[in-house]
C-alpha atoms as a PDB file:
ATOM      1  CA  MET A   1      10.325   2.416  -3.389  1.00  0.00           C
ATOM      2  CA  LEU A   2       9.249  -0.172  -1.593  1.00  0.00           C
ATOM      3  CA  GLU A   3      12.693   0.599   0.575  1.00  0.00           C
ATOM      4  CA  ARG A   4      10.989   2.899   1.767  1.00  0.00           C
ATOM      5  CA  VAL A   5       7.721   1.621   3.057  1.00  0.00           C
ATOM      6  CA  PRO A   6       8.689   0.593   6.378  1.00  0.00           C
ATOM      7  CA  GLY A   7       9.868   3.397   7.669  1.00  0.00           C
ATOM      8  CA  TYR A   8       6.595   5.040   6.789  1.00  0.00           C
ATOM      9  CA  LEU A   9       4.744   2.134   8.366  1.00  0.00           C
ATOM     10  CA  GLN A  10       6.526   3.124  11.662  1.00  0.00           C
ATOM     11  CA  VAL A  11       5.776   7.051  11.385  1.00  0.00           C
ATOM     12  CA  LEU A  12       2.006   6.040  10.955  1.00  0.00           C
ATOM     13  CA  THR A  13       1.819   3.208  13.473  1.00  0.00           C
ATOM     14  CA  ALA A  14       3.646   5.962  16.305  1.00  0.00           C
ATOM     15  CA  HIS A  15       0.675   7.974  15.117  1.00  0.00           C
ATOM     16  CA  GLY A  16      -1.844   5.228  16.006  1.00  0.00           C
ATOM     17  CA  VAL A  17      -2.559   5.446  12.293  1.00  0.00           C
ATOM     18  CA  GLU A  18      -3.443   1.471  11.539  1.00  0.00           C
ATOM     19  CA  CYS A  19      -1.913   0.494   8.014  1.00  0.00           C
ATOM     20  CA  GLN A  20      -0.979  -2.782   6.287  1.00  0.00           C
ATOM     21  CA  LEU A  21       2.008  -3.454   3.848  1.00  0.00           C
ATOM     22  CA  LEU A  22       0.297  -6.058   1.324  1.00  0.00           C
ATOM     23  CA  ARG A  23       1.560  -7.745  -1.963  1.00  0.00           C
ATOM     24  CA  SER A  24      -0.185  -9.114  -4.819  1.00  0.00           C
ATOM     25  CA  ALA A  25      -0.097 -11.437  -7.301  1.00  0.00           C
ATOM     26  CA  ASP A  26      -4.104 -10.360  -8.066  1.00  0.00           C
ATOM     27  CA  PRO A  27      -5.188  -7.704  -5.862  1.00  0.00           C
ATOM     28  CA  GLY A  28      -7.632  -6.730  -7.559  1.00  0.00           C
ATOM     29  CA  ARG A  29      -8.849  -4.132  -9.923  1.00  0.00           C
ATOM     30  CA  VAL A  30      -6.634  -1.240 -10.894  1.00  0.00           C
ATOM     31  CA  ILE A  31      -8.624   2.202 -10.662  1.00  0.00           C
ATOM     32  CA  TYR A  32      -5.364   4.393 -10.794  1.00  0.00           C
ATOM     33  CA  GLU A  33      -1.545   4.052 -11.820  1.00  0.00           C
ATOM     34  CA  ASP A  34       1.037   6.087 -12.171  1.00  0.00           C
ATOM     35  CA  ASP A  35       5.024   5.181 -11.605  1.00  0.00           C
ATOM     36  CA  VAL A  36       5.195   4.992  -8.336  1.00  0.00           C
ATOM     37  CA  GLN A  37       2.040   3.382  -6.868  1.00  0.00           C
ATOM     38  CA  VAL A  38      -1.040   1.535  -7.881  1.00  0.00           C
ATOM     39  CA  VAL A  39      -4.963   1.826  -5.927  1.00  0.00           C
ATOM     40  CA  VAL A  40      -6.623  -0.874  -6.589  1.00  0.00           C
ATOM     41  CA  VAL A  41     -10.488  -2.589  -5.396  1.00  0.00           C
ATOM     42  CA  PRO A  42     -10.211  -5.959  -4.188  1.00  0.00           C
ATOM     43  CA  HIS A  43     -11.837  -8.867  -5.507  1.00  0.00           C
ATOM     44  CA  PRO A  44     -14.359  -9.132  -3.699  1.00  0.00           C
END
């Protein structure tokens, strides 16, 4: 899945949507997770 991220970021940027790719070993509190994505609340 990560191989596709740069292309998605280019599409979002072309449409004026600000976005960032962030990587972290400890991103925060996981609130959702499945086979291809994770949603977290960042540490304060």
